[in-house]
Amino acid sequence: MDVIFEHEGRVYFGDWKTDRLASWDEAAVEGHVTRNYGLQEQLYALALVRMLGIATADDYQARFGGTLYLFVRGLPSGVRSRRPSFAEIGQWQEEIAARLGEGNT
């Protein structure tokens, strides 16, 4: 996580990337982030939600802004922003906890 910032009352994380993509269109950037940074996004979002002490959907809606991946070689179009739902955050937490539990058996 390169930067945490607040905008209009919501907190976001941003991560600068220097990857080279063949195309900087929205679909290419989205696919690249999903394939290469999906787990990272989940971990960073979970850490930020926990750091902020967010425990309810209402608090999440009010305080968590989302995630930003900024590809410096592709700016200004090389930006991917996303705001996962509160349900996704819960699902990610369960999936990661299950993964970690598998290593303990």
Protein backbone atom coordinates (compact mmCIF):
# COMPACT_ATOMS: atom_id res chain seq x y z
CA MET A 1 0.00 0.00 0.00
CA ASP A 2 1.70 3.17 -1.14
CA VAL A 3 -0.77 5.76 0.08
CA ILE A 4 -3.82 6.01 2.32
CA PHE A 5 -5.88 9.13 1.90
CA GLU A 6 -9.24 10.61 2.77
CA HIS A 7 -11.53 12.24 0.24
CA GLU A 8 -14.97 13.59 1.11
CA GLY A 9 -15.01 11.69 4.39
CA ARG A 10 -14.07 8.28 2.97
CA VAL A 11 -10.69 6.56 3.22
CA TYR A 12 -9.00 4.97 0.20
CA PHE A 13 -5.75 3.17 -0.49
CA GLY A 14 -3.66 3.73 -3.56
CA ASP A 15 -0.90 1.60 -5.00
CA TRP A 16 1.50 2.87 -7.67
CA LYS A 17 2.52 0.29 -10.28
CA THR A 18 5.18 0.40 -12.99
CA ASP A 19 3.97 -2.57 -15.06
CA ARG A 20 4.00 -2.32 -18.86
CA LEU A 21 0.71 -3.26 -20.47
CA ALA A 22 0.08 -3.73 -24.19
CA SER A 23 -3.03 -1.56 -23.85
CA TRP A 24 -4.22 0.95 -21.27
CA ASP A 25 -7.92 0.63 -22.01
CA GLU A 26 -10.22 -0.04 -19.07
CA ALA A 27 -10.69 -3.76 -19.79
CA ALA A 28 -6.95 -4.39 -20.10
CA VAL A 29 -6.15 -2.56 -16.85
CA GLU A 30 -9.01 -4.28 -15.00
CA GLY A 31 -7.92 -7.72 -16.21
CA HIS A 32 -4.30 -7.08 -15.29
CA VAL A 33 -5.19 -5.96 -11.76
CA THR A 34 -7.52 -8.91 -11.26
CA ARG A 35 -4.94 -11.45 -12.44
CA ASN A 36 -1.86 -9.97 -10.82
CA TYR A 37 -3.03 -8.00 -7.80
CA GLY A 38 -6.34 -9.58 -6.77
CA LEU A 39 -5.06 -11.09 -3.52
CA GLN A 40 -3.07 -7.96 -2.75
CA GLU A 41 -6.20 -5.84 -3.17
CA GLN A 42 -8.11 -8.13 -0.83
CA LEU A 43 -5.42 -8.04 1.86
CA TYR A 44 -4.96 -4.26 1.65
CA ALA A 45 -8.70 -3.60 1.75
CA LEU A 46 -9.16 -5.93 4.72
CA ALA A 47 -6.25 -4.31 6.55
CA LEU A 48 -7.62 -0.82 5.94
CA VAL A 49 -11.15 -1.77 7.03
CA ARG A 50 -9.72 -3.33 10.18
CA MET A 51 -7.43 -0.35 10.83
CA LEU A 52 -10.44 1.98 10.58
CA GLY A 53 -12.42 -0.21 13.00
CA ILE A 54 -15.25 -0.71 10.51
CA ALA A 55 -17.62 -3.44 11.67
CA THR A 56 -21.00 -2.66 10.09
CA ALA A 57 -22.31 -2.13 6.58
CA ASP A 58 -23.45 1.40 7.46
CA ASP A 59 -20.03 2.32 8.82
CA TYR A 60 -18.42 0.79 5.74
CA GLN A 61 -20.63 2.83 3.40
CA ALA A 62 -19.84 6.00 5.29
CA ARG A 63 -16.09 5.57 5.77
CA PHE A 64 -14.48 3.24 3.19
CA GLY A 65 -13.93 4.76 -0.23
CA GLY A 66 -12.23 1.99 -2.17
CA THR A 67 -9.06 0.94 -3.91
CA LEU A 68 -6.91 2.63 -6.54
CA TYR A 69 -4.25 1.08 -8.73
CA LEU A 70 -2.28 3.74 -10.59
CA PHE A 71 -0.04 2.60 -13.44
CA VAL A 72 2.52 5.35 -13.93
CA ARG A 73 3.44 4.23 -17.46
CA GLY A 74 -0.19 4.44 -18.55
CA LEU A 75 -1.42 7.64 -16.95
CA PRO A 76 -3.88 9.22 -17.25
CA SER A 77 -5.88 6.21 -18.48
CA GLY A 78 -3.92 3.62 -16.48
CA VAL A 79 -6.01 4.00 -13.35
CA ARG A 80 -8.24 1.33 -11.88
CA SER A 81 -10.55 2.24 -9.02
CA ARG A 82 -12.99 -0.04 -7.29
CA ARG A 83 -15.19 -0.05 -4.24
CA PRO A 84 -15.89 -3.63 -3.19
CA SER A 85 -19.16 -4.19 -1.39
CA PHE A 86 -19.29 -4.83 2.34
CA ALA A 87 -20.43 -8.38 1.51
CA GLU A 88 -17.30 -8.88 -0.64
CA ILE A 89 -15.11 -7.71 2.22
CA GLY A 90 -16.73 -10.31 4.48
CA GLN A 91 -16.33 -13.00 1.85
CA TRP A 92 -12.67 -12.13 1.34
CA GLN A 93 -12.09 -12.33 5.08
CA GLU A 94 -13.67 -15.80 5.25
CA GLU A 95 -11.74 -17.06 2.22
CA ILE A 96 -8.40 -15.84 3.52
CA ALA A 97 -9.07 -17.24 7.00
CA ALA A 98 -9.91 -20.61 5.41
CA ARG A 99 -6.69 -20.50 3.35
CA LEU A 100 -4.65 -19.78 6.45
CA GLY A 101 -6.43 -22.54 8.36
CA GLU A 102 -5.53 -25.09 5.67
CA GLY A 103 -1.85 -24.59 6.42
CA ASN A 104 -2.36 -25.42 10.09
CA THR A 105 -3.66 -28.97 9.67
